[in-house]
Structures are given as C-alpha cells and as structure tokens.
Amino acid sequence: MRAILATLPTDETAAVSLIGEGAEGIAGGPRKYLLEHFDALREFYRDASQRHLLLVLWWD
C-alpha cells in the first residue's frame, strides 16, 4: 500500500487528474479512499483467516 500511496501525488487535484474519469467524485479524496478501503479489505481477510474461511478470487 505504501508503494501505491508513494506514487500518488499529495495534491488532491493532481491525484484526481492522474487517476482519471470519475476520480473527482471520490469523497474525501483518493488518498483517504484508498487507505480506508485497504484497511477494510485487510480486516476482512484477517477475520476470514481467524474463522478458518476459504476465500476464492475470480477474474477474467
């Protein structure tokens, strides 16, 4: 996550410009959004592992 944030400009306008279409609608700005979602995802996986749940990822 640090690597992603390191490449994202600290200036919100520049970050939105870099991300592209739709980024201007991110509430709180891209940096806050990424941190919150990364923390939520990490908590989800931590909880699943503690409950011995199997996770399946699929993309095509």
C-alpha atoms as a PDB file:
ATOM      1  CA  MET A   1       0.000   0.000   0.000  1.00  0.00           C
ATOM      2  CA  ARG A   2       2.850   2.373   0.764  1.00  0.00           C
ATOM      3  CA  ALA A   3       4.150   1.940  -2.775  1.00  0.00           C
ATOM      4  CA  ILE A   4       0.790   2.957  -4.234  1.00  0.00           C
ATOM      5  CA  LEU A   5       0.496   5.987  -1.986  1.00  0.00           C
ATOM      6  CA  ALA A   6       4.092   6.976  -2.729  1.00  0.00           C
ATOM      7  CA  THR A   7       3.261   7.269  -6.439  1.00  0.00           C
ATOM      8  CA  LEU A   8       0.032   9.181  -5.835  1.00  0.00           C
ATOM      9  CA  PRO A   9       0.543  12.967  -5.789  1.00  0.00           C
ATOM     10  CA  THR A  10      -0.161  14.570  -2.402  1.00  0.00           C
ATOM     11  CA  ASP A  11      -2.040  17.359  -4.164  1.00  0.00           C
ATOM     12  CA  GLU A  12      -5.634  16.117  -4.477  1.00  0.00           C
ATOM     13  CA  THR A  13      -6.227  17.877  -7.808  1.00  0.00           C
ATOM     14  CA  ALA A  14      -3.124  16.281  -9.316  1.00  0.00           C
ATOM     15  CA  ALA A  15      -4.107  12.872  -7.895  1.00  0.00           C
ATOM     16  CA  VAL A  16      -7.606  13.118  -9.373  1.00  0.00           C
ATOM     17  CA  SER A  17      -6.109  14.130 -12.716  1.00  0.00           C
ATOM     18  CA  LEU A  18      -3.740  11.157 -12.636  1.00  0.00           C
ATOM     19  CA  ILE A  19      -6.479   8.646 -11.788  1.00  0.00           C
ATOM     20  CA  GLY A  20      -8.807   9.934 -14.477  1.00  0.00           C
ATOM     21  CA  GLU A  21     -12.530   9.863 -15.125  1.00  0.00           C
ATOM     22  CA  GLY A  22     -14.729   9.528 -12.057  1.00  0.00           C
ATOM     23  CA  ALA A  23     -11.973  10.282  -9.558  1.00  0.00           C
ATOM     24  CA  GLU A  24     -13.345  13.746  -8.842  1.00  0.00           C
ATOM     25  CA  GLY A  25     -16.337  12.073  -7.184  1.00  0.00           C
ATOM     26  CA  ILE A  26     -14.264  10.255  -4.568  1.00  0.00           C
ATOM     27  CA  ALA A  27     -15.435  11.621  -1.226  1.00  0.00           C
ATOM     28  CA  GLY A  28     -12.538  12.764   0.926  1.00  0.00           C
ATOM     29  CA  GLY A  29     -10.047  12.415  -1.920  1.00  0.00           C
ATOM     30  CA  PRO A  30      -8.205   9.457  -3.453  1.00  0.00           C
ATOM     31  CA  ARG A  31      -5.645   9.032  -0.665  1.00  0.00           C
ATOM     32  CA  LYS A  32      -8.270   8.773   2.092  1.00  0.00           C
ATOM     33  CA  TYR A  33     -10.407   6.478  -0.068  1.00  0.00           C
ATOM     34  CA  LEU A  34      -7.521   4.083  -0.743  1.00  0.00           C
ATOM     35  CA  LEU A  35      -6.461   3.953   2.901  1.00  0.00           C
ATOM     36  CA  GLU A  36      -9.990   3.283   4.163  1.00  0.00           C
ATOM     37  CA  HIS A  37     -10.671   0.576   1.597  1.00  0.00           C
ATOM     38  CA  PHE A  38      -7.298  -1.089   2.073  1.00  0.00           C
ATOM     39  CA  ASP A  39      -7.838  -1.203   5.839  1.00  0.00           C
ATOM     40  CA  ALA A  40     -11.339  -2.663   5.353  1.00  0.00           C
ATOM     41  CA  LEU A  41     -10.029  -5.299   2.946  1.00  0.00           C
ATOM     42  CA  ARG A  42      -7.194  -6.238   5.295  1.00  0.00           C
ATOM     43  CA  GLU A  43      -9.663  -6.555   8.196  1.00  0.00           C
ATOM     44  CA  PHE A  44     -11.941  -8.745   6.051  1.00  0.00           C
ATOM     45  CA  TYR A  45      -9.101 -11.146   5.215  1.00  0.00           C
ATOM     46  CA  ARG A  46      -7.861 -11.167   8.816  1.00  0.00           C
ATOM     47  CA  ASP A  47     -11.340 -12.043  10.097  1.00  0.00           C
ATOM     48  CA  ALA A  48     -11.764 -14.745   7.450  1.00  0.00           C
ATOM     49  CA  SER A  49      -8.448 -16.339   8.356  1.00  0.00           C
ATOM     50  CA  GLN A  50      -9.278 -16.310  12.067  1.00  0.00           C
ATOM     51  CA  ARG A  51     -12.573 -18.035  11.286  1.00  0.00           C
ATOM     52  CA  HIS A  52     -10.762 -20.542   9.012  1.00  0.00           C
ATOM     53  CA  LEU A  53     -12.781 -19.477   5.985  1.00  0.00           C
ATOM     54  CA  LEU A  54     -11.693 -20.145   2.439  1.00  0.00           C
ATOM     55  CA  LEU A  55     -11.673 -17.249   0.007  1.00  0.00           C
ATOM     56  CA  VAL A  56     -11.964 -17.665  -3.725  1.00  0.00           C
ATOM     57  CA  LEU A  57     -10.935 -14.923  -6.124  1.00  0.00           C
ATOM     58  CA  TRP A  58     -12.045 -14.997  -9.716  1.00  0.00           C
ATOM     59  CA  TRP A  59     -11.380 -12.568 -12.510  1.00  0.00           C
ATOM     60  CA  ASP A  60     -11.326 -12.874 -16.247  1.00  0.00           C
END
